Amino acid sequence: FEDLAALSARRSARWRPGLAARQGPALHSEIFASSRDGAGAGAA
């Protein structure tokens, strides 16, 4: 549990909008999407 708590502390920073102001932008992102609903380009 102690190992899990340490790992969780490092990984607990959940993503949220506007986070680039503190951590900088994600410089390489991939967005998987189906071509049937056109979600990929809009979300990207």
PDB file of all heavy atoms in Angstrom:
ATOM      1  N   PHE A   1       0.826  -1.203   0.000  1.00  0.00           N
ATOM      2  CA  PHE A   1       0.000   0.000   0.000  1.00  0.00           C
ATOM      3  C   PHE A   1       0.860   1.253   0.000  1.00  0.00           C
ATOM      4  O   PHE A   1       0.505   2.267  -0.583  1.00  0.00           O
ATOM      5  CB  PHE A   1      -0.944  -0.016   1.205  1.00  0.00           C
ATOM      6  CG  PHE A   1      -1.906  -1.158   1.186  1.00  0.00           C
ATOM      7  CD1 PHE A   1      -1.665  -2.296   1.928  1.00  0.00           C
ATOM      8  CD2 PHE A   1      -3.052  -1.106   0.403  1.00  0.00           C
ATOM      9  CE1 PHE A   1      -2.549  -3.356   1.907  1.00  0.00           C
ATOM     10  CE2 PHE A   1      -3.938  -2.163   0.382  1.00  0.00           C
ATOM     11  CZ  PHE A   1      -3.687  -3.299   1.121  1.00  0.00           C
ATOM     12  N   GLU A   2       2.001   1.212   0.687  1.00  0.00           N
ATOM     13  CA  GLU A   2       2.887   2.363   0.697  1.00  0.00           C
ATOM     14  C   GLU A   2       3.458   2.619  -0.690  1.00  0.00           C
ATOM     15  O   GLU A   2       3.571   3.760  -1.133  1.00  0.00           O
ATOM     16  CB  GLU A   2       3.998   2.142   1.717  1.00  0.00           C
ATOM     17  CG  GLU A   2       3.488   2.116   3.159  1.00  0.00           C
ATOM     18  CD  GLU A   2       4.584   1.765   4.141  1.00  0.00           C
ATOM     19  OE1 GLU A   2       5.621   1.252   3.683  1.00  0.00           O
ATOM     20  OE2 GLU A   2       4.403   2.005   5.348  1.00  0.00           O
ATOM     21  N   ASP A   3       3.841   1.532  -1.393  1.00  0.00           N
ATOM     22  CA  ASP A   3       4.334   1.698  -2.760  1.00  0.00           C
ATOM     23  C   ASP A   3       3.234   2.256  -3.662  1.00  0.00           C
ATOM     24  O   ASP A   3       3.487   3.117  -4.509  1.00  0.00           O
ATOM     25  CB  ASP A   3       4.822   0.358  -3.314  1.00  0.00           C
ATOM     26  CG  ASP A   3       6.072  -0.139  -2.599  1.00  0.00           C
ATOM     27  OD1 ASP A   3       6.728   0.693  -1.933  1.00  0.00           O
ATOM     28  OD2 ASP A   3       6.380  -1.337  -2.703  1.00  0.00           O
ATOM     29  N   LEU A   4       2.020   1.762  -3.486  1.00  0.00           N
ATOM     30  CA  LEU A   4       0.905   2.255  -4.289  1.00  0.00           C
ATOM     31  C   LEU A   4       0.617   3.712  -3.984  1.00  0.00           C
ATOM     32  O   LEU A   4       0.328   4.504  -4.885  1.00  0.00           O
ATOM     33  CB  LEU A   4      -0.340   1.418  -4.024  1.00  0.00           C
ATOM     34  CG  LEU A   4      -1.597   1.860  -4.787  1.00  0.00           C
ATOM     35  CD1 LEU A   4      -1.409   1.652  -6.275  1.00  0.00           C
ATOM     36  CD2 LEU A   4      -2.826   1.127  -4.300  1.00  0.00           C
ATOM     37  N   ALA A   5       0.709   4.092  -2.710  1.00  0.00           N
ATOM     38  CA  ALA A   5       0.459   5.481  -2.352  1.00  0.00           C
ATOM     39  C   ALA A   5       1.491   6.403  -2.983  1.00  0.00           C
ATOM     40  O   ALA A   5       1.157   7.489  -3.467  1.00  0.00           O
ATOM     41  CB  ALA A   5       0.470   5.632  -0.825  1.00  0.00           C
ATOM     42  N   ALA A   6       2.763   5.967  -3.006  1.00  0.00           N
ATOM     43  CA  ALA A   6       3.798   6.779  -3.633  1.00  0.00           C
ATOM     44  C   ALA A   6       3.567   6.907  -5.134  1.00  0.00           C
ATOM     45  O   ALA A   6       3.722   7.980  -5.719  1.00  0.00           O
ATOM     46  CB  ALA A   6       5.178   6.174  -3.354  1.00  0.00           C
ATOM     47  N   LEU A   7       3.194   5.773  -5.759  1.00  0.00           N
ATOM     48  CA  LEU A   7       2.915   5.812  -7.190  1.00  0.00           C
ATOM     49  C   LEU A   7       1.700   6.677  -7.481  1.00  0.00           C
ATOM     50  O   LEU A   7       1.689   7.461  -8.431  1.00  0.00           O
ATOM     51  CB  LEU A   7       2.684   4.395  -7.711  1.00  0.00           C
ATOM     52  CG  LEU A   7       2.317   4.261  -9.201  1.00  0.00           C
ATOM     53  CD1 LEU A   7       3.450   4.783 -10.069  1.00  0.00           C
ATOM     54  CD2 LEU A   7       2.005   2.805  -9.541  1.00  0.00           C
ATOM     55  N   SER A   8       0.680   6.560  -6.647  1.00  0.00           N
ATOM     56  CA  SER A   8      -0.539   7.340  -6.847  1.00  0.00           C
ATOM     57  C   SER A   8      -0.264   8.828  -6.699  1.00  0.00           C
ATOM     58  O   SER A   8      -0.845   9.653  -7.400  1.00  0.00           O
ATOM     59  CB  SER A   8      -1.622   6.899  -5.866  1.00  0.00           C
ATOM     60  OG  SER A   8      -2.785   7.677  -6.017  1.00  0.00           O
ATOM     61  N   ALA A   9       0.631   9.197  -5.783  1.00  0.00           N
ATOM     62  CA  ALA A   9       0.940  10.608  -5.591  1.00  0.00           C
ATOM     63  C   ALA A   9       1.585  11.201  -6.835  1.00  0.00           C
ATOM     64  O   ALA A   9       1.345  12.356  -7.188  1.00  0.00           O
ATOM     65  CB  ALA A   9       1.856  10.780  -4.382  1.00  0.00           C
ATOM     66  N   ARG A  10       2.422  10.396  -7.509  1.00  0.00           N
ATOM     67  CA  ARG A  10       3.063  10.895  -8.726  1.00  0.00           C
ATOM     68  C   ARG A  10       2.104  10.940  -9.894  1.00  0.00           C
ATOM     69  O   ARG A  10       2.263  11.740 -10.804  1.00  0.00           O
ATOM     70  CB  ARG A  10       4.262  10.005  -9.079  1.00  0.00           C
ATOM     71  CG  ARG A  10       5.392  10.064  -8.063  1.00  0.00           C
ATOM     72  CD  ARG A  10       6.659   9.449  -8.641  1.00  0.00           C
ATOM     73  NE  ARG A  10       6.488   8.042  -8.962  1.00  0.00           N
ATOM     74  CZ  ARG A  10       6.750   7.049  -8.130  1.00  0.00           C
ATOM     75  NH1 ARG A  10       7.196   7.317  -6.910  1.00  0.00           N
ATOM     76  NH2 ARG A  10       6.580   5.795  -8.484  1.00  0.00           N
ATOM     77  N   ARG A  11       1.105  10.063  -9.892  1.00  0.00           N
ATOM     78  CA  ARG A  11       0.212   9.958 -11.038  1.00  0.00           C
ATOM     79  C   ARG A  11      -1.165  10.570 -10.807  1.00  0.00           C
ATOM     80  O   ARG A  11      -2.028  10.501 -11.666  1.00  0.00           O
ATOM     81  CB  ARG A  11       0.022   8.481 -11.386  1.00  0.00           C
ATOM     82  CG  ARG A  11       1.300   7.759 -11.757  1.00  0.00           C
ATOM     83  CD  ARG A  11       1.659   7.972 -13.190  1.00  0.00           C
ATOM     84  NE  ARG A  11       0.679   7.357 -14.072  1.00  0.00           N
ATOM     85  CZ  ARG A  11       0.702   7.485 -15.390  1.00  0.00           C
ATOM     86  NH1 ARG A  11       1.617   8.204 -15.965  1.00  0.00           N
ATOM     87  NH2 ARG A  11      -0.222   6.889 -16.137  1.00  0.00           N
ATOM     88  N   SER A  12      -1.364  11.179  -9.622  1.00  0.00           N
ATOM     89  CA  SER A  12      -2.704  11.631  -9.280  1.00  0.00           C
ATOM     90  C   SER A  12      -3.080  12.959  -9.898  1.00  0.00           C
ATOM     91  O   SER A  12      -4.218  13.394  -9.745  1.00  0.00           O
ATOM     92  CB  SER A  12      -2.840  11.724  -7.757  1.00  0.00           C
ATOM     93  OG  SER A  12      -1.924  12.682  -7.245  1.00  0.00           O
ATOM     94  N   ALA A  13      -2.126  13.642 -10.536  1.00  0.00           N
ATOM     95  CA  ALA A  13      -2.426  14.935 -11.149  1.00  0.00           C
ATOM     96  C   ALA A  13      -3.278  14.694 -12.390  1.00  0.00           C
ATOM     97  O   ALA A  13      -2.766  14.403 -13.466  1.00  0.00           O
ATOM     98  CB  ALA A  13      -1.131  15.656 -11.509  1.00  0.00           C
ATOM     99  N   ARG A  14      -4.572  14.801 -12.214  1.00  0.00           N
ATOM    100  CA  ARG A  14      -5.484  14.557 -13.318  1.00  0.00           C
ATOM    101  C   ARG A  14      -5.388  15.668 -14.360  1.00  0.00           C
ATOM    102  O   ARG A  14      -5.212  16.837 -14.023  1.00  0.00           O
ATOM    103  CB  ARG A  14      -6.922  14.466 -12.804  1.00  0.00           C
ATOM    104  CG  ARG A  14      -7.181  13.285 -11.896  1.00  0.00           C
ATOM    105  CD  ARG A  14      -7.299  12.004 -12.688  1.00  0.00           C
ATOM    106  NE  ARG A  14      -7.708  10.893 -11.846  1.00  0.00           N
ATOM    107  CZ  ARG A  14      -7.911   9.670 -12.302  1.00  0.00           C
ATOM    108  NH1 ARG A  14      -7.726   9.398 -13.570  1.00  0.00           N
ATOM    109  NH2 ARG A  14      -8.274   8.701 -11.488  1.00  0.00           N
ATOM    110  N   TRP A  15      -5.550  15.288 -15.617  1.00  0.00           N
ATOM    111  CA  TRP A  15      -5.602  16.298 -16.674  1.00  0.00           C
ATOM    112  C   TRP A  15      -6.868  17.127 -16.502  1.00  0.00           C
ATOM    113  O   TRP A  15      -7.901  16.635 -16.052  1.00  0.00           O
ATOM    114  CB  TRP A  15      -5.610  15.612 -18.039  1.00  0.00           C
ATOM    115  CG  TRP A  15      -5.804  16.595 -19.152  1.00  0.00           C
ATOM    116  CD1 TRP A  15      -4.841  17.285 -19.820  1.00  0.00           C
ATOM    117  CD2 TRP A  15      -7.059  17.008 -19.710  1.00  0.00           C
ATOM    118  NE1 TRP A  15      -5.417  18.106 -20.751  1.00  0.00           N
ATOM    119  CE2 TRP A  15      -6.769  17.957 -20.707  1.00  0.00           C
ATOM    120  CE3 TRP A  15      -8.388  16.667 -19.451  1.00  0.00           C
ATOM    121  CZ2 TRP A  15      -7.769  18.575 -21.461  1.00  0.00           C
ATOM    122  CZ3 TRP A  15      -9.393  17.283 -20.192  1.00  0.00           C
ATOM    123  CH2 TRP A  15      -9.074  18.216 -21.187  1.00  0.00           C
ATOM    124  N   ARG A  16      -6.791  18.382 -16.905  1.00  0.00           N
ATOM    125  CA  ARG A  16      -7.956  19.258 -16.930  1.00  0.00           C
ATOM    126  C   ARG A  16      -7.679  20.398 -17.903  1.00  0.00           C
ATOM    127  O   ARG A  16      -6.510  20.715 -18.182  1.00  0.00           O
ATOM    128  CB  ARG A  16      -8.268  19.806 -15.535  1.00  0.00           C
ATOM    129  CG  ARG A  16      -7.161  20.663 -14.924  1.00  0.00           C
ATOM    130  CD  ARG A  16      -7.506  21.074 -13.515  1.00  0.00           C
ATOM    131  NE  ARG A  16      -6.480  21.908 -12.918  1.00  0.00           N
ATOM    132  CZ  ARG A  16      -5.406  21.440 -12.309  1.00  0.00           C
ATOM    133  NH1 ARG A  16      -5.219  20.131 -12.219  1.00  0.00           N
ATOM    134  NH2 ARG A  16      -4.513  22.264 -11.789  1.00  0.00           N
ATOM    135  N   PRO A  17      -8.708  21.028 -18.430  1.00  0.00           N
ATOM    136  CA  PRO A  17      -8.487  22.165 -19.336  1.00  0.00           C
ATOM    137  C   PRO A  17      -7.721  23.286 -18.649  1.00  0.00           C
ATOM    138  O   PRO A  17      -7.871  23.532 -17.460  1.00  0.00           O
ATOM    139  CB  PRO A  17      -9.918  22.602 -19.692  1.00  0.00           C
ATOM    140  CG  PRO A  17     -10.755  21.387 -19.490  1.00  0.00           C
ATOM    141  CD  PRO A  17     -10.133  20.662 -18.327  1.00  0.00           C
ATOM    142  N   GLY A  18      -6.891  23.950 -19.417  1.00  0.00           N
ATOM    143  CA  GLY A  18      -6.115  25.064 -18.891  1.00  0.00           C
ATOM    144  C   GLY A  18      -4.861  24.677 -18.151  1.00  0.00           C
ATOM    145  O   GLY A  18      -4.144  25.546 -17.642  1.00  0.00           O
ATOM    146  N   LEU A  19      -4.550  23.382 -18.095  1.00  0.00           N
ATOM    147  CA  LEU A  19      -3.389  22.936 -17.330  1.00  0.00           C
ATOM    148  C   LEU A  19      -2.073  23.375 -17.972  1.00  0.00           C
ATOM    149  O   LEU A  19      -1.044  23.429 -17.303  1.00  0.00           O
ATOM    150  CB  LEU A  19      -3.417  21.410 -17.200  1.00  0.00           C
ATOM    151  CG  LEU A  19      -2.560  20.785 -16.097  1.00  0.00           C
ATOM    152  CD1 LEU A  19      -2.970  21.311 -14.735  1.00  0.00           C
ATOM    153  CD2 LEU A  19      -2.644  19.276 -16.131  1.00  0.00           C
ATOM    154  N   ALA A  20      -2.118  23.710 -19.259  1.00  0.00           N
ATOM    155  CA  ALA A  20      -0.893  24.146 -19.942  1.00  0.00           C
ATOM    156  C   ALA A  20      -0.327  25.426 -19.337  1.00  0.00           C
ATOM    157  O   ALA A  20       0.866  25.699 -19.480  1.00  0.00           O
ATOM    158  CB  ALA A  20      -1.171  24.354 -21.431  1.00  0.00           C
ATOM    159  N   ALA A  21      -1.156  26.219 -18.664  1.00  0.00           N
ATOM    160  CA  ALA A  21      -0.663  27.448 -18.052  1.00  0.00           C
ATOM    161  C   ALA A  21       0.355  27.152 -16.964  1.00  0.00           C
ATOM    162  O   ALA A  21       1.262  27.958 -16.713  1.00  0.00           O
ATOM    163  CB  ALA A  21      -1.838  28.251 -17.470  1.00  0.00           C
ATOM    164  N   ARG A  22       0.243  25.988 -16.306  1.00  0.00           N
ATOM    165  CA  ARG A  22       1.173  25.619 -15.231  1.00  0.00           C
ATOM    166  C   ARG A  22       2.245  24.658 -15.697  1.00  0.00           C
ATOM    167  O   ARG A  22       3.406  24.780 -15.313  1.00  0.00           O
ATOM    168  CB  ARG A  22       0.405  24.993 -14.063  1.00  0.00           C
ATOM    169  CG  ARG A  22      -0.430  25.958 -13.267  1.00  0.00           C
ATOM    170  CD  ARG A  22      -0.817  25.374 -11.928  1.00  0.00           C
ATOM    171  NE  ARG A  22      -1.219  23.973 -12.035  1.00  0.00           N
ATOM    172  CZ  ARG A  22      -1.282  23.152 -10.992  1.00  0.00           C
ATOM    173  NH1 ARG A  22      -0.954  23.572  -9.797  1.00  0.00           N
ATOM    174  NH2 ARG A  22      -1.682  21.915 -11.152  1.00  0.00           N
ATOM    175  N   GLN A  23       1.868  23.689 -16.527  1.00  0.00           N
ATOM    176  CA  GLN A  23       2.795  22.624 -16.888  1.00  0.00           C
ATOM    177  C   GLN A  23       3.323  22.732 -18.310  1.00  0.00           C
ATOM    178  O   GLN A  23       4.173  21.939 -18.698  1.00  0.00           O
ATOM    179  CB  GLN A  23       2.114  21.264 -16.706  1.00  0.00           C
ATOM    180  CG  GLN A  23       1.678  20.982 -15.281  1.00  0.00           C
ATOM    181  CD  GLN A  23       1.094  19.594 -15.129  1.00  0.00           C
ATOM    182  OE1 GLN A  23       0.927  18.858 -16.097  1.00  0.00           O
ATOM    183  NE2 GLN A  23       0.756  19.218 -13.906  1.00  0.00           N
ATOM    184  N   GLY A  24       2.826  23.695 -19.071  1.00  0.00           N
ATOM    185  CA  GLY A  24       3.222  23.779 -20.463  1.00  0.00           C
ATOM    186  C   GLY A  24       2.359  22.863 -21.320  1.00  0.00           C
ATOM    187  O   GLY A  24       1.693  21.961 -20.808  1.00  0.00           O
ATOM    188  N   PRO A  25       2.366  23.059 -22.626  1.00  0.00           N
ATOM    189  CA  PRO A  25       1.508  22.258 -23.505  1.00  0.00           C
ATOM    190  C   PRO A  25       2.036  20.842 -23.685  1.00  0.00           C
ATOM    191  O   PRO A  25       3.227  20.582 -23.506  1.00  0.00           O
ATOM    192  CB  PRO A  25       1.544  23.039 -24.832  1.00  0.00           C
ATOM    193  CG  PRO A  25       2.893  23.703 -24.815  1.00  0.00           C
ATOM    194  CD  PRO A  25       3.165  24.048 -23.380  1.00  0.00           C
ATOM    195  N   ALA A  26       1.113  19.938 -24.027  1.00  0.00           N
ATOM    196  CA  ALA A  26       1.515  18.585 -24.421  1.00  0.00           C
ATOM    197  C   ALA A  26       2.034  18.675 -25.851  1.00  0.00           C
ATOM    198  O   ALA A  26       1.276  18.940 -26.782  1.00  0.00           O
ATOM    199  CB  ALA A  26       0.329  17.639 -24.331  1.00  0.00           C
ATOM    200  N   LEU A  27       3.319  18.463 -26.033  1.00  0.00           N
ATOM    201  CA  LEU A  27       3.935  18.770 -27.318  1.00  0.00           C
ATOM    202  C   LEU A  27       3.660  17.724 -28.389  1.00  0.00           C
ATOM    203  O   LEU A  27       3.841  17.997 -29.567  1.00  0.00           O
ATOM    204  CB  LEU A  27       5.441  18.957 -27.132  1.00  0.00           C
ATOM    205  CG  LEU A  27       5.817  20.240 -26.372  1.00  0.00           C
ATOM    206  CD1 LEU A  27       7.305  20.303 -26.120  1.00  0.00           C
ATOM    207  CD2 LEU A  27       5.356  21.471 -27.136  1.00  0.00           C
ATOM    208  N   HIS A  28       3.240  16.523 -28.020  1.00  0.00           N
ATOM    209  CA  HIS A  28       2.898  15.515 -29.037  1.00  0.00           C
ATOM    210  C   HIS A  28       1.719  14.713 -28.513  1.00  0.00           C
ATOM    211  O   HIS A  28       1.853  13.914 -27.589  1.00  0.00           O
ATOM    212  CB  HIS A  28       4.089  14.601 -29.315  1.00  0.00           C
ATOM    213  CG  HIS A  28       3.820  13.596 -30.400  1.00  0.00           C
ATOM    214  ND1 HIS A  28       4.701  12.569 -30.712  1.00  0.00           N
ATOM    215  CD2 HIS A  28       2.779  13.445 -31.252  1.00  0.00           C
ATOM    216  CE1 HIS A  28       4.195  11.849 -31.697  1.00  0.00           C
ATOM    217  NE2 HIS A  28       3.027  12.356 -32.032  1.00  0.00           N
ATOM    218  N   SER A  29       0.563  14.938 -29.106  1.00  0.00           N
ATOM    219  CA  SER A  29      -0.659  14.238 -28.713  1.00  0.00           C
ATOM    220  C   SER A  29      -1.230  13.497 -29.908  1.00  0.00           C
ATOM    221  O   SER A  29      -1.122  13.969 -31.050  1.00  0.00           O
ATOM    222  CB  SER A  29      -1.710  15.219 -28.178  1.00  0.00           C
ATOM    223  OG  SER A  29      -1.240  15.916 -27.050  1.00  0.00           O
ATOM    224  N   GLU A  30      -1.839  12.336 -29.637  1.00  0.00           N
ATOM    225  CA  GLU A  30      -2.557  11.585 -30.664  1.00  0.00           C
ATOM    226  C   GLU A  30      -4.014  11.468 -30.257  1.00  0.00           C
ATOM    227  O   GLU A  30      -4.316  11.233 -29.089  1.00  0.00           O
ATOM    228  CB  GLU A  30      -1.947  10.188 -30.852  1.00  0.00           C
ATOM    229  CG  GLU A  30      -0.625  10.187 -31.595  1.00  0.00           C
ATOM    230  CD  GLU A  30      -0.144   8.784 -31.922  1.00  0.00           C
ATOM    231  OE1 GLU A  30      -0.581   7.830 -31.236  1.00  0.00           O
ATOM    232  OE2 GLU A  30       0.658   8.634 -32.841  1.00  0.00           O
ATOM    233  N   ILE A  31      -4.904  11.631 -31.239  1.00  0.00           N
ATOM    234  CA  ILE A  31      -6.341  11.552 -30.999  1.00  0.00           C
ATOM    235  C   ILE A  31      -6.909  10.490 -31.926  1.00  0.00           C
ATOM    236  O   ILE A  31      -6.926  10.672 -33.155  1.00  0.00           O
ATOM    237  CB  ILE A  31      -7.031  12.910 -31.243  1.00  0.00           C
ATOM    238  CG1 ILE A  31      -6.504  13.963 -30.260  1.00  0.00           C
ATOM    239  CG2 ILE A  31      -8.541  12.774 -31.089  1.00  0.00           C
ATOM    240  CD1 ILE A  31      -5.337  14.764 -30.773  1.00  0.00           C
ATOM    241  N   PHE A  32      -7.341   9.363 -31.354  1.00  0.00           N
ATOM    242  CA  PHE A  32      -7.935   8.283 -32.134  1.00  0.00           C
ATOM    243  C   PHE A  32      -9.438   8.523 -32.236  1.00  0.00           C
ATOM    244  O   PHE A  32     -10.100   8.814 -31.234  1.00  0.00           O
ATOM    245  CB  PHE A  32      -7.664   6.932 -31.476  1.00  0.00           C
ATOM    246  CG  PHE A  32      -6.237   6.474 -31.596  1.00  0.00           C
ATOM    247  CD1 PHE A  32      -5.245   7.013 -30.796  1.00  0.00           C
ATOM    248  CD2 PHE A  32      -5.884   5.501 -32.526  1.00  0.00           C
ATOM    249  CE1 PHE A  32      -3.930   6.598 -30.908  1.00  0.00           C
ATOM    250  CE2 PHE A  32      -4.568   5.074 -32.643  1.00  0.00           C
ATOM    251  CZ  PHE A  32      -3.595   5.633 -31.837  1.00  0.00           C
ATOM    252  N   ALA A  33      -9.970   8.407 -33.446  1.00  0.00           N
ATOM    253  CA  ALA A  33     -11.393   8.687 -33.649  1.00  0.00           C
ATOM    254  C   ALA A  33     -11.871   7.957 -34.887  1.00  0.00           C
ATOM    255  O   ALA A  33     -11.089   7.608 -35.783  1.00  0.00           O
ATOM    256  CB  ALA A  33     -11.643  10.186 -33.787  1.00  0.00           C
ATOM    257  N   SER A  34     -13.180   7.740 -34.935  1.00  0.00           N
ATOM    258  CA  SER A  34     -13.810   7.161 -36.114  1.00  0.00           C
ATOM    259  C   SER A  34     -14.112   8.262 -37.119  1.00  0.00           C
ATOM    260  O   SER A  34     -14.449   9.396 -36.736  1.00  0.00           O
ATOM    261  CB  SER A  34     -15.095   6.433 -35.712  1.00  0.00           C
ATOM    262  OG  SER A  34     -15.839   6.069 -36.866  1.00  0.00           O
ATOM    263  N   SER A  35     -14.009   7.936 -38.388  1.00  0.00           N
ATOM    264  CA  SER A  35     -14.331   8.914 -39.431  1.00  0.00           C
ATOM    265  C   SER A  35     -15.835   9.086 -39.600  1.00  0.00           C
ATOM    266  O   SER A  35     -16.275   9.982 -40.322  1.00  0.00           O
ATOM    267  CB  SER A  35     -13.708   8.482 -40.761  1.00  0.00           C
ATOM    268  OG  SER A  35     -14.230   7.226 -41.171  1.00  0.00           O
ATOM    269  N   ARG A  36     -16.642   8.249 -38.935  1.00  0.00           N
ATOM    270  CA  ARG A  36     -18.086   8.297 -39.132  1.00  0.00           C
ATOM    271  C   ARG A  36     -18.751   9.474 -38.433  1.00  0.00           C
ATOM    272  O   ARG A  36     -19.815   9.915 -38.858  1.00  0.00           O
ATOM    273  CB  ARG A  36     -18.732   6.989 -38.655  1.00  0.00           C
ATOM    274  CG  ARG A  36     -18.337   5.773 -39.466  1.00  0.00           C
ATOM    275  CD  ARG A  36     -19.177   4.577 -39.086  1.00  0.00           C
ATOM    276  NE  ARG A  36     -18.964   4.189 -37.706  1.00  0.00           N
ATOM    277  CZ  ARG A  36     -18.028   3.343 -37.297  1.00  0.00           C
ATOM    278  NH1 ARG A  36     -17.200   2.799 -38.189  1.00  0.00           N
ATOM    279  NH2 ARG A  36     -17.905   3.024 -36.017  1.00  0.00           N
ATOM    280  N   ASP A  37     -18.156   9.975 -37.333  1.00  0.00           N
ATOM    281  CA  ASP A  37     -18.819  11.058 -36.606  1.00  0.00           C
ATOM    282  C   ASP A  37     -18.048  12.371 -36.610  1.00  0.00           C
ATOM    283  O   ASP A  37     -18.500  13.359 -36.039  1.00  0.00           O
ATOM    284  CB  ASP A  37     -19.107  10.648 -35.164  1.00  0.00           C
ATOM    285  CG  ASP A  37     -17.846  10.255 -34.408  1.00  0.00           C
ATOM    286  OD1 ASP A  37     -16.750  10.471 -34.932  1.00  0.00           O
ATOM    287  OD2 ASP A  37     -17.973   9.751 -33.271  1.00  0.00           O
ATOM    288  N   GLY A  38     -16.879  12.415 -37.245  1.00  0.00           N
ATOM    289  CA  GLY A  38     -16.149  13.670 -37.361  1.00  0.00           C
ATOM    290  C   GLY A  38     -15.646  14.234 -36.044  1.00  0.00           C
ATOM    291  O   GLY A  38     -15.428  15.439 -35.929  1.00  0.00           O
ATOM    292  N   ALA A  39     -15.452  13.373 -35.047  1.00  0.00           N
ATOM    293  CA  ALA A  39     -15.053  13.871 -33.737  1.00  0.00           C
ATOM    294  C   ALA A  39     -13.569  14.199 -33.659  1.00  0.00           C
ATOM    295  O   ALA A  39     -13.162  15.050 -32.867  1.00  0.00           O
ATOM    296  CB  ALA A  39     -15.403  12.840 -32.660  1.00  0.00           C
ATOM    297  N   GLY A  40     -12.749  13.528 -34.452  1.00  0.00           N
ATOM    298  CA  GLY A  40     -11.307  13.640 -34.288  1.00  0.00           C
ATOM    299  C   GLY A  40     -10.767  15.037 -34.491  1.00  0.00           C
ATOM    300  O   GLY A  40     -10.087  15.595 -33.615  1.00  0.00           O
ATOM    301  N   ALA A  41     -11.066  15.642 -35.646  1.00  0.00           N
ATOM    302  CA  ALA A  41     -10.522  16.965 -35.951  1.00  0.00           C
ATOM    303  C   ALA A  41     -11.057  18.008 -34.983  1.00  0.00           C
ATOM    304  O   ALA A  41     -10.320  18.892 -34.520  1.00  0.00           O
ATOM    305  CB  ALA A  41     -10.856  17.338 -37.391  1.00  0.00           C
ATOM    306  N   GLY A  42     -12.356  17.929 -34.643  1.00  0.00           N
ATOM    307  CA  GLY A  42     -12.932  18.902 -33.722  1.00  0.00           C
ATOM    308  C   GLY A  42     -12.314  18.827 -32.341  1.00  0.00           C
ATOM    309  O   GLY A  42     -11.982  19.857 -31.732  1.00  0.00           O
ATOM    310  N   ALA A  43     -12.138  17.598 -31.821  1.00  0.00           N
ATOM    311  CA  ALA A  43     -11.543  17.442 -30.498  1.00  0.00           C
ATOM    312  C   ALA A  43     -10.077  17.865 -30.504  1.00  0.00           C
ATOM    313  O   ALA A  43      -9.600  18.495 -29.550  1.00  0.00           O
ATOM    314  CB  ALA A  43     -11.677  15.995 -30.038  1.00  0.00           C
ATOM    315  N   ALA A  44      -9.357  17.533 -31.561  1.00  0.00           N
ATOM    316  CA  ALA A  44      -7.951  17.923 -31.654  1.00  0.00           C
ATOM    317  C   ALA A  44      -7.813  19.442 -31.660  1.00  0.00           C
ATOM    318  O   ALA A  44      -6.951  20.007 -30.982  1.00  0.00           O
ATOM    319  CB  ALA A  44      -7.326  17.328 -32.910  1.00  0.00           C
TER     320      ALA A  44
END
